[in-house]
Amino acid sequence: MKIKFLSTTMIILMVAISLSSCGETSRKENINETSKDLKQAEKQSKEELQATVKKNWEKFKSESESIIEKSDAQIKKIRAVIAKGDQKEQEKLTKELDSLQKKNKELKDKLAQKEHSFKETLLEYNEKAKEEEHKFKKQFKRDLQEVVNALKKTITPEEGVEDEL
């Protein structure tokens, strides 16, 4: 009787061990599948984020370049208008326009430089890069608005530069 009980216990124990080991293999497979799915989802998310960031950058760059070009055209118009004025006023306004033109060129260069660094860092885009980009855009828009506002104050020809920021 003891032997029967012992053998039955051993059989039950062996069945329990084999069943529990089958469950571990299944759990390990589920963990591996879940891990692969998470990695794939992370990769897709990163690609989507990069695409969105690139699209936003192109829009910002395009708008900024447009405003810079309009500012350049406005400077040329103002130069033509002041060329007809008196000499003293002409000298004063020419100095202001030279300063604004220099600032406009600096903004063009700053935008080109940022675009170059943007393309390099797009692959490593993360939260820190996102914050830096936002900070750059905010500063750049403020600088660009300063040029536009200064142009408006200098002289307002018939077709003024409109607020575009």
N, C-alpha and C. Protein backbone atom coordinates (compact mmCIF):
# COMPACT_ATOMS: atom_id res chain seq x y z
N MET A 1 0.81 -1.17 0.00
CA MET A 1 0.00 0.00 0.00
C MET A 1 0.87 1.26 0.00
N LYS A 2 1.92 1.22 0.79
CA LYS A 2 2.82 2.36 0.82
C LYS A 2 3.50 2.52 -0.54
N ILE A 3 3.82 1.43 -1.17
CA ILE A 3 4.48 1.49 -2.47
C ILE A 3 3.51 2.04 -3.51
N LYS A 4 2.26 1.61 -3.45
CA LYS A 4 1.25 2.11 -4.37
C LYS A 4 1.05 3.61 -4.16
N PHE A 5 0.97 3.99 -2.92
CA PHE A 5 0.78 5.41 -2.59
C PHE A 5 1.99 6.22 -3.06
N LEU A 6 3.19 5.67 -2.82
CA LEU A 6 4.42 6.35 -3.20
C LEU A 6 4.52 6.45 -4.73
N SER A 7 4.18 5.38 -5.43
CA SER A 7 4.27 5.41 -6.89
C SER A 7 3.22 6.35 -7.48
N THR A 8 2.02 6.37 -6.89
CA THR A 8 0.99 7.29 -7.35
C THR A 8 1.44 8.74 -7.11
N THR A 9 2.02 8.99 -5.96
CA THR A 9 2.52 10.33 -5.65
C THR A 9 3.62 10.72 -6.62
N MET A 10 4.50 9.76 -6.92
CA MET A 10 5.60 10.04 -7.86
C MET A 10 5.05 10.36 -9.25
N ILE A 11 4.05 9.62 -9.69
CA ILE A 11 3.46 9.84 -11.01
C ILE A 11 2.79 11.23 -11.05
N ILE A 12 2.05 11.53 -10.00
CA ILE A 12 1.40 12.84 -9.93
C ILE A 12 2.44 13.95 -9.93
N LEU A 13 3.51 13.76 -9.17
CA LEU A 13 4.59 14.74 -9.11
C LEU A 13 5.25 14.92 -10.47
N MET A 14 5.51 13.82 -11.18
CA MET A 14 6.14 13.90 -12.49
C MET A 14 5.22 14.60 -13.50
N VAL A 15 3.95 14.29 -13.45
CA VAL A 15 2.99 14.94 -14.34
C VAL A 15 2.94 16.45 -14.03
N ALA A 16 2.92 16.79 -12.76
CA ALA A 16 2.88 18.19 -12.36
C ALA A 16 4.13 18.93 -12.83
N ILE A 17 5.28 18.29 -12.70
CA ILE A 17 6.54 18.91 -13.14
C ILE A 17 6.54 19.11 -14.64
N SER A 18 6.11 18.10 -15.37
CA SER A 18 6.11 18.24 -16.83
C SER A 18 5.09 19.29 -17.29
N LEU A 19 3.95 19.37 -16.63
CA LEU A 19 2.96 20.38 -16.99
C LEU A 19 3.46 21.79 -16.66
N SER A 20 4.12 21.91 -15.53
CA SER A 20 4.61 23.24 -15.17
C SER A 20 5.74 23.68 -16.08
N SER A 21 6.57 22.77 -16.54
CA SER A 21 7.64 23.16 -17.46
C SER A 21 7.08 23.53 -18.83
N CYS A 22 6.01 22.89 -19.25
CA CYS A 22 5.36 23.27 -20.51
C CYS A 22 4.80 24.68 -20.41
N GLY A 23 4.26 25.01 -19.29
CA GLY A 23 3.74 26.35 -19.08
C GLY A 23 4.83 27.40 -19.12
N GLU A 24 6.02 27.07 -18.60
CA GLU A 24 7.14 28.02 -18.63
C GLU A 24 7.58 28.30 -20.05
N THR A 25 7.65 27.27 -20.87
CA THR A 25 8.04 27.46 -22.25
C THR A 25 7.03 28.37 -22.95
N SER A 26 5.78 28.14 -22.69
CA SER A 26 4.73 28.95 -23.29
C SER A 26 4.85 30.40 -22.81
N ARG A 27 5.10 30.59 -21.51
CA ARG A 27 5.26 31.95 -20.99
C ARG A 27 6.48 32.63 -21.59
N LYS A 28 7.56 31.89 -21.72
CA LYS A 28 8.78 32.47 -22.31
C LYS A 28 8.53 32.89 -23.75
N GLU A 29 7.81 32.05 -24.48
CA GLU A 29 7.47 32.40 -25.86
C GLU A 29 6.60 33.65 -25.91
N ASN A 30 5.64 33.74 -25.01
CA ASN A 30 4.78 34.93 -24.95
C ASN A 30 5.58 36.17 -24.62
N ILE A 31 6.51 36.04 -23.69
CA ILE A 31 7.36 37.18 -23.32
C ILE A 31 8.21 37.60 -24.50
N ASN A 32 8.79 36.64 -25.22
CA ASN A 32 9.62 36.96 -26.39
C ASN A 32 8.78 37.63 -27.47
N GLU A 33 7.57 37.13 -27.72
CA GLU A 33 6.69 37.74 -28.71
C GLU A 33 6.31 39.17 -28.32
N THR A 34 5.96 39.33 -27.07
CA THR A 34 5.59 40.65 -26.57
C THR A 34 6.76 41.61 -26.69
N SER A 35 7.94 41.14 -26.37
CA SER A 35 9.14 41.97 -26.48
C SER A 35 9.38 42.39 -27.93
N LYS A 36 9.22 41.46 -28.85
CA LYS A 36 9.39 41.78 -30.27
C LYS A 36 8.35 42.79 -30.72
N ASP A 37 7.10 42.59 -30.28
CA ASP A 37 6.03 43.52 -30.65
C ASP A 37 6.31 44.92 -30.12
N LEU A 38 6.80 44.99 -28.88
CA LEU A 38 7.12 46.30 -28.30
C LEU A 38 8.24 46.99 -29.06
N LYS A 39 9.26 46.23 -29.43
CA LYS A 39 10.37 46.82 -30.19
C LYS A 39 9.91 47.32 -31.54
N GLN A 40 9.04 46.55 -32.18
CA GLN A 40 8.52 46.95 -33.48
C GLN A 40 7.65 48.21 -33.34
N ALA A 41 6.81 48.25 -32.33
CA ALA A 41 5.96 49.42 -32.10
C ALA A 41 6.80 50.65 -31.79
N GLU A 42 7.87 50.46 -31.02
CA GLU A 42 8.76 51.58 -30.69
C GLU A 42 9.43 52.10 -31.96
N LYS A 43 9.87 51.19 -32.81
CA LYS A 43 10.51 51.59 -34.06
C LYS A 43 9.54 52.37 -34.94
N GLN A 44 8.30 51.88 -35.07
CA GLN A 44 7.30 52.56 -35.88
C GLN A 44 6.98 53.94 -35.29
N SER A 45 6.87 54.00 -33.98
CA SER A 45 6.58 55.27 -33.32
C SER A 45 7.70 56.27 -33.57
N LYS A 46 8.93 55.81 -33.49
CA LYS A 46 10.08 56.69 -33.72
C LYS A 46 10.08 57.19 -35.16
N GLU A 47 9.79 56.30 -36.10
CA GLU A 47 9.74 56.69 -37.51
C GLU A 47 8.64 57.71 -37.76
N GLU A 48 7.48 57.50 -37.15
CA GLU A 48 6.37 58.44 -37.31
C GLU A 48 6.72 59.80 -36.70
N LEU A 49 7.36 59.78 -35.54
CA LEU A 49 7.77 61.01 -34.89
C LEU A 49 8.76 61.77 -35.77
N GLN A 50 9.73 61.04 -36.32
CA GLN A 50 10.72 61.69 -37.18
C GLN A 50 10.06 62.28 -38.42
N ALA A 51 9.10 61.58 -38.99
CA ALA A 51 8.40 62.10 -40.16
C ALA A 51 7.62 63.37 -39.82
N THR A 52 6.97 63.36 -38.67
CA THR A 52 6.21 64.53 -38.23
C THR A 52 7.14 65.71 -37.98
N VAL A 53 8.25 65.43 -37.30
CA VAL A 53 9.21 66.49 -36.99
C VAL A 53 9.78 67.08 -38.28
N LYS A 54 10.11 66.22 -39.22
CA LYS A 54 10.66 66.69 -40.49
C LYS A 54 9.65 67.56 -41.24
N LYS A 55 8.39 67.13 -41.23
CA LYS A 55 7.33 67.90 -41.89
C LYS A 55 7.17 69.27 -41.23
N ASN A 56 7.15 69.29 -39.90
CA ASN A 56 7.03 70.56 -39.17
C ASN A 56 8.21 71.47 -39.44
N TRP A 57 9.41 70.90 -39.51
CA TRP A 57 10.61 71.69 -39.77
C TRP A 57 10.54 72.31 -41.16
N GLU A 58 10.14 71.52 -42.14
CA GLU A 58 10.05 72.04 -43.51
C GLU A 58 9.04 73.19 -43.60
N LYS A 59 7.93 73.05 -42.89
CA LYS A 59 6.92 74.12 -42.88
C LYS A 59 7.51 75.38 -42.24
N PHE A 60 8.15 75.22 -41.08
CA PHE A 60 8.75 76.36 -40.40
C PHE A 60 9.80 77.03 -41.28
N LYS A 61 10.66 76.22 -41.90
CA LYS A 61 11.73 76.73 -42.75
C LYS A 61 11.15 77.50 -43.93
N SER A 62 10.13 76.94 -44.55
CA SER A 62 9.50 77.57 -45.71
C SER A 62 8.88 78.92 -45.33
N GLU A 63 8.15 78.94 -44.22
CA GLU A 63 7.53 80.20 -43.77
C GLU A 63 8.59 81.24 -43.44
N SER A 64 9.64 80.81 -42.77
CA SER A 64 10.71 81.73 -42.38
C SER A 64 11.41 82.30 -43.60
N GLU A 65 11.73 81.44 -44.56
CA GLU A 65 12.39 81.91 -45.77
C GLU A 65 11.51 82.90 -46.53
N SER A 66 10.22 82.64 -46.54
CA SER A 66 9.28 83.54 -47.22
C SER A 66 9.29 84.92 -46.56
N ILE A 67 9.26 84.94 -45.25
CA ILE A 67 9.26 86.22 -44.53
C ILE A 67 10.58 86.95 -44.74
N ILE A 68 11.68 86.22 -44.73
CA ILE A 68 12.99 86.83 -44.97
C ILE A 68 13.05 87.44 -46.37
N GLU A 69 12.54 86.71 -47.37
CA GLU A 69 12.52 87.24 -48.73
C GLU A 69 11.65 88.50 -48.83
N LYS A 70 10.51 88.48 -48.16
CA LYS A 70 9.64 89.67 -48.17
C LYS A 70 10.32 90.84 -47.48
N SER A 71 11.05 90.56 -46.42
CA SER A 71 11.79 91.62 -45.73
C SER A 71 12.86 92.21 -46.63
N ASP A 72 13.56 91.35 -47.36
CA ASP A 72 14.57 91.83 -48.32
C ASP A 72 13.92 92.73 -49.39
N ALA A 73 12.78 92.29 -49.90
CA ALA A 73 12.08 93.08 -50.91
C ALA A 73 11.62 94.42 -50.32
N GLN A 74 11.15 94.38 -49.08
CA GLN A 74 10.70 95.60 -48.41
C GLN A 74 11.87 96.56 -48.22
N ILE A 75 13.03 96.03 -47.86
CA ILE A 75 14.22 96.88 -47.69
C ILE A 75 14.56 97.56 -49.01
N LYS A 76 14.48 96.82 -50.12
CA LYS A 76 14.77 97.40 -51.44
C LYS A 76 13.77 98.50 -51.78
N LYS A 77 12.49 98.27 -51.46
CA LYS A 77 11.47 99.29 -51.73
C LYS A 77 11.74 100.55 -50.91
N ILE A 78 12.08 100.34 -49.66
CA ILE A 78 12.33 101.50 -48.79
C ILE A 78 13.55 102.26 -49.27
N ARG A 79 14.59 101.55 -49.71
CA ARG A 79 15.78 102.22 -50.25
C ARG A 79 15.41 103.08 -51.45
N ALA A 80 14.53 102.58 -52.30
CA ALA A 80 14.11 103.34 -53.47
C ALA A 80 13.34 104.59 -53.05
N VAL A 81 12.51 104.47 -52.01
CA VAL A 81 11.72 105.60 -51.53
C VAL A 81 12.62 106.66 -50.90
N ILE A 82 13.56 106.23 -50.08
CA ILE A 82 14.41 107.22 -49.39
C ILE A 82 15.44 107.85 -50.31
N ALA A 83 15.71 107.21 -51.45
CA ALA A 83 16.64 107.80 -52.41
C ALA A 83 16.08 109.12 -52.95
N LYS A 84 14.79 109.27 -52.88
CA LYS A 84 14.13 110.48 -53.39
C LYS A 84 14.03 111.57 -52.33
N GLY A 85 14.33 111.23 -51.07
CA GLY A 85 14.20 112.18 -49.97
C GLY A 85 15.44 113.06 -49.80
N ASP A 86 15.43 113.88 -48.71
CA ASP A 86 16.57 114.76 -48.48
C ASP A 86 17.77 113.97 -47.95
N GLN A 87 18.94 114.55 -48.09
CA GLN A 87 20.21 113.88 -47.81
C GLN A 87 20.34 113.45 -46.35
N LYS A 88 19.98 114.31 -45.41
CA LYS A 88 20.15 114.01 -43.99
C LYS A 88 19.27 112.82 -43.58
N GLU A 89 18.03 112.85 -43.98
CA GLU A 89 17.11 111.76 -43.68
C GLU A 89 17.55 110.48 -44.39
N GLN A 90 18.06 110.64 -45.58
CA GLN A 90 18.52 109.51 -46.36
C GLN A 90 19.67 108.78 -45.65
N GLU A 91 20.60 109.52 -45.09
CA GLU A 91 21.73 108.91 -44.38
C GLU A 91 21.25 108.13 -43.15
N LYS A 92 20.34 108.73 -42.41
CA LYS A 92 19.82 108.09 -41.20
C LYS A 92 19.09 106.78 -41.55
N LEU A 93 18.21 106.87 -42.52
CA LEU A 93 17.44 105.69 -42.90
C LEU A 93 18.32 104.62 -43.55
N THR A 94 19.34 105.03 -44.28
CA THR A 94 20.25 104.07 -44.89
C THR A 94 20.99 103.27 -43.83
N LYS A 95 21.41 103.95 -42.76
CA LYS A 95 22.07 103.24 -41.66
C LYS A 95 21.13 102.23 -41.02
N GLU A 96 19.89 102.63 -40.81
CA GLU A 96 18.90 101.71 -40.22
C GLU A 96 18.66 100.51 -41.14
N LEU A 97 18.53 100.80 -42.43
CA LEU A 97 18.29 99.71 -43.37
C LEU A 97 19.49 98.77 -43.48
N ASP A 98 20.70 99.35 -43.43
CA ASP A 98 21.90 98.51 -43.46
C ASP A 98 21.91 97.56 -42.27
N SER A 99 21.53 98.09 -41.12
CA SER A 99 21.47 97.27 -39.91
C SER A 99 20.42 96.17 -40.05
N LEU A 100 19.26 96.54 -40.58
CA LEU A 100 18.20 95.54 -40.77
C LEU A 100 18.58 94.49 -41.81
N GLN A 101 19.26 94.94 -42.86
CA GLN A 101 19.68 94.00 -43.88
C GLN A 101 20.71 93.02 -43.31
N LYS A 102 21.59 93.54 -42.47
CA LYS A 102 22.59 92.68 -41.83
C LYS A 102 21.89 91.65 -40.93
N LYS A 103 20.92 92.10 -40.16
CA LYS A 103 20.17 91.20 -39.28
C LYS A 103 19.42 90.15 -40.10
N ASN A 104 18.86 90.55 -41.21
CA ASN A 104 18.15 89.63 -42.09
C ASN A 104 19.10 88.55 -42.63
N LYS A 105 20.30 88.97 -43.01
CA LYS A 105 21.30 88.02 -43.51
C LYS A 105 21.72 87.06 -42.39
N GLU A 106 21.88 87.58 -41.18
CA GLU A 106 22.23 86.73 -40.05
C GLU A 106 21.14 85.68 -39.81
N LEU A 107 19.89 86.09 -39.97
CA LEU A 107 18.79 85.15 -39.80
C LEU A 107 18.81 84.08 -40.88
N LYS A 108 19.12 84.46 -42.12
CA LYS A 108 19.24 83.49 -43.20
C LYS A 108 20.32 82.46 -42.86
N ASP A 109 21.47 82.97 -42.42
CA ASP A 109 22.59 82.10 -42.09
C ASP A 109 22.25 81.19 -40.90
N LYS A 110 21.59 81.76 -39.92
CA LYS A 110 21.20 80.98 -38.73
C LYS A 110 20.24 79.86 -39.13
N LEU A 111 19.31 80.16 -40.00
CA LEU A 111 18.35 79.16 -40.47
C LEU A 111 19.07 78.05 -41.25
N ALA A 112 19.99 78.43 -42.12
CA ALA A 112 20.74 77.43 -42.90
C ALA A 112 21.59 76.55 -41.99
N GLN A 113 22.20 77.16 -41.00
CA GLN A 113 23.02 76.41 -40.05
C GLN A 113 22.16 75.44 -39.24
N LYS A 114 21.02 75.89 -38.80
CA LYS A 114 20.12 75.03 -38.02
C LYS A 114 19.60 73.89 -38.88
N GLU A 115 19.34 74.17 -40.15
CA GLU A 115 18.86 73.11 -41.03
C GLU A 115 19.92 72.02 -41.17
N HIS A 116 21.16 72.43 -41.30
CA HIS A 116 22.25 71.46 -41.41
C HIS A 116 22.34 70.59 -40.16
N SER A 117 22.30 71.21 -39.00
CA SER A 117 22.38 70.45 -37.76
C SER A 117 21.12 69.62 -37.54
N PHE A 118 19.99 70.12 -38.01
CA PHE A 118 18.72 69.38 -37.89
C PHE A 118 18.80 68.07 -38.65
N LYS A 119 19.31 68.12 -39.86
CA LYS A 119 19.42 66.90 -40.66
C LYS A 119 20.34 65.88 -40.01
N GLU A 120 21.39 66.36 -39.36
CA GLU A 120 22.32 65.45 -38.69
C GLU A 120 21.69 64.80 -37.45
N THR A 121 20.89 65.55 -36.72
CA THR A 121 20.35 65.04 -35.46
C THR A 121 18.98 64.39 -35.60
N LEU A 122 18.41 64.39 -36.78
CA LEU A 122 17.08 63.82 -36.96
C LEU A 122 17.05 62.34 -36.58
N LEU A 123 18.11 61.62 -36.86
CA LEU A 123 18.14 60.20 -36.55
C LEU A 123 18.15 59.94 -35.05
N GLU A 124 18.70 60.88 -34.30
CA GLU A 124 18.80 60.71 -32.85
C GLU A 124 17.77 61.58 -32.13
N TYR A 125 16.66 61.84 -32.78
CA TYR A 125 15.66 62.76 -32.24
C TYR A 125 15.06 62.20 -30.95
N ASN A 126 15.06 63.02 -29.91
CA ASN A 126 14.48 62.63 -28.62
C ASN A 126 13.87 63.86 -27.97
N GLU A 127 13.47 63.75 -26.73
CA GLU A 127 12.82 64.86 -26.02
C GLU A 127 13.73 66.08 -25.92
N LYS A 128 15.00 65.86 -25.63
CA LYS A 128 15.92 66.99 -25.49
C LYS A 128 16.03 67.74 -26.81
N ALA A 129 16.15 67.00 -27.90
CA ALA A 129 16.23 67.63 -29.22
C ALA A 129 14.95 68.38 -29.54
N LYS A 130 13.83 67.83 -29.11
CA LYS A 130 12.53 68.47 -29.34
C LYS A 130 12.47 69.81 -28.61
N GLU A 131 12.93 69.83 -27.37
CA GLU A 131 12.94 71.08 -26.60
C GLU A 131 13.87 72.11 -27.22
N GLU A 132 15.05 71.66 -27.68
CA GLU A 132 16.00 72.58 -28.31
C GLU A 132 15.44 73.16 -29.60
N GLU A 133 14.76 72.32 -30.38
CA GLU A 133 14.16 72.79 -31.61
C GLU A 133 13.08 73.83 -31.33
N HIS A 134 12.25 73.55 -30.34
CA HIS A 134 11.19 74.49 -29.97
C HIS A 134 11.80 75.82 -29.52
N LYS A 135 12.84 75.75 -28.73
CA LYS A 135 13.51 76.96 -28.25
C LYS A 135 14.08 77.76 -29.43
N PHE A 136 14.72 77.05 -30.38
CA PHE A 136 15.27 77.72 -31.56
C PHE A 136 14.17 78.41 -32.35
N LYS A 137 13.08 77.69 -32.61
CA LYS A 137 11.99 78.27 -33.40
C LYS A 137 11.43 79.52 -32.74
N LYS A 138 11.25 79.45 -31.44
CA LYS A 138 10.70 80.59 -30.71
C LYS A 138 11.64 81.79 -30.81
N GLN A 139 12.93 81.58 -30.60
CA GLN A 139 13.92 82.65 -30.68
C GLN A 139 14.00 83.21 -32.10
N PHE A 140 13.99 82.31 -33.09
CA PHE A 140 14.10 82.73 -34.48
C PHE A 140 12.90 83.57 -34.89
N LYS A 141 11.71 83.13 -34.50
CA LYS A 141 10.50 83.89 -34.83
C LYS A 141 10.54 85.27 -34.18
N ARG A 142 11.03 85.34 -32.95
CA ARG A 142 11.12 86.62 -32.27
C ARG A 142 12.09 87.55 -33.01
N ASP A 143 13.25 87.02 -33.41
CA ASP A 143 14.23 87.82 -34.14
C ASP A 143 13.67 88.28 -35.49
N LEU A 144 12.98 87.39 -36.16
CA LEU A 144 12.40 87.72 -37.45
C LEU A 144 11.32 88.79 -37.29
N GLN A 145 10.53 88.68 -36.24
CA GLN A 145 9.49 89.67 -35.99
C GLN A 145 10.11 91.04 -35.69
N GLU A 146 11.26 91.05 -35.03
CA GLU A 146 11.95 92.32 -34.76
C GLU A 146 12.32 93.02 -36.06
N VAL A 147 12.81 92.26 -37.04
CA VAL A 147 13.18 92.84 -38.33
C VAL A 147 11.93 93.40 -39.01
N VAL A 148 10.87 92.62 -39.01
CA VAL A 148 9.63 93.05 -39.65
C VAL A 148 9.09 94.32 -38.99
N ASN A 149 9.08 94.33 -37.67
CA ASN A 149 8.59 95.51 -36.95
C ASN A 149 9.46 96.73 -37.20
N ALA A 150 10.77 96.53 -37.23
CA ALA A 150 11.67 97.65 -37.49
C ALA A 150 11.45 98.20 -38.89
N LEU A 151 11.19 97.33 -39.84
CA LEU A 151 10.90 97.80 -41.20
C LEU A 151 9.63 98.64 -41.22
N LYS A 152 8.64 98.21 -40.47
CA LYS A 152 7.38 98.96 -40.42
C LYS A 152 7.60 100.35 -39.82
N LYS A 153 8.46 100.43 -38.81
CA LYS A 153 8.71 101.71 -38.15
C LYS A 153 9.56 102.63 -39.01
N THR A 154 10.45 102.04 -39.82
CA THR A 154 11.34 102.85 -40.64
C THR A 154 10.56 103.70 -41.61
N ILE A 155 9.74 103.06 -42.38
CA ILE A 155 8.89 103.76 -43.34
C ILE A 155 7.81 102.79 -43.77
N THR A 156 6.63 103.29 -44.03
CA THR A 156 5.55 102.40 -44.43
C THR A 156 5.10 102.79 -45.83
N PRO A 157 5.68 102.13 -46.84
CA PRO A 157 5.22 102.39 -48.21
C PRO A 157 3.80 101.85 -48.40
N GLU A 158 3.26 102.03 -49.57
CA GLU A 158 1.90 101.63 -49.85
C GLU A 158 1.66 100.16 -49.50
N GLU A 159 2.61 99.29 -49.81
CA GLU A 159 2.44 97.87 -49.55
C GLU A 159 3.37 97.49 -48.40
N GLY A 160 2.89 97.52 -47.18
CA GLY A 160 3.70 97.22 -46.03
C GLY A 160 3.86 95.72 -45.83
N VAL A 161 4.82 95.36 -45.04
CA VAL A 161 5.01 93.95 -44.69
C VAL A 161 3.95 93.59 -43.68
N GLU A 162 3.23 92.53 -43.92
CA GLU A 162 2.15 92.14 -43.04
C GLU A 162 2.69 91.24 -41.94
N ASP A 163 2.01 91.23 -40.82
CA ASP A 163 2.36 90.34 -39.71
C ASP A 163 2.11 88.91 -40.16
N GLU A 164 3.14 88.13 -40.25
CA GLU A 164 2.98 86.76 -40.70
C GLU A 164 3.38 85.76 -39.67
N LEU A 165 3.86 86.19 -38.56
CA LEU A 165 4.28 85.26 -37.51
C LEU A 165 3.19 85.06 -36.51
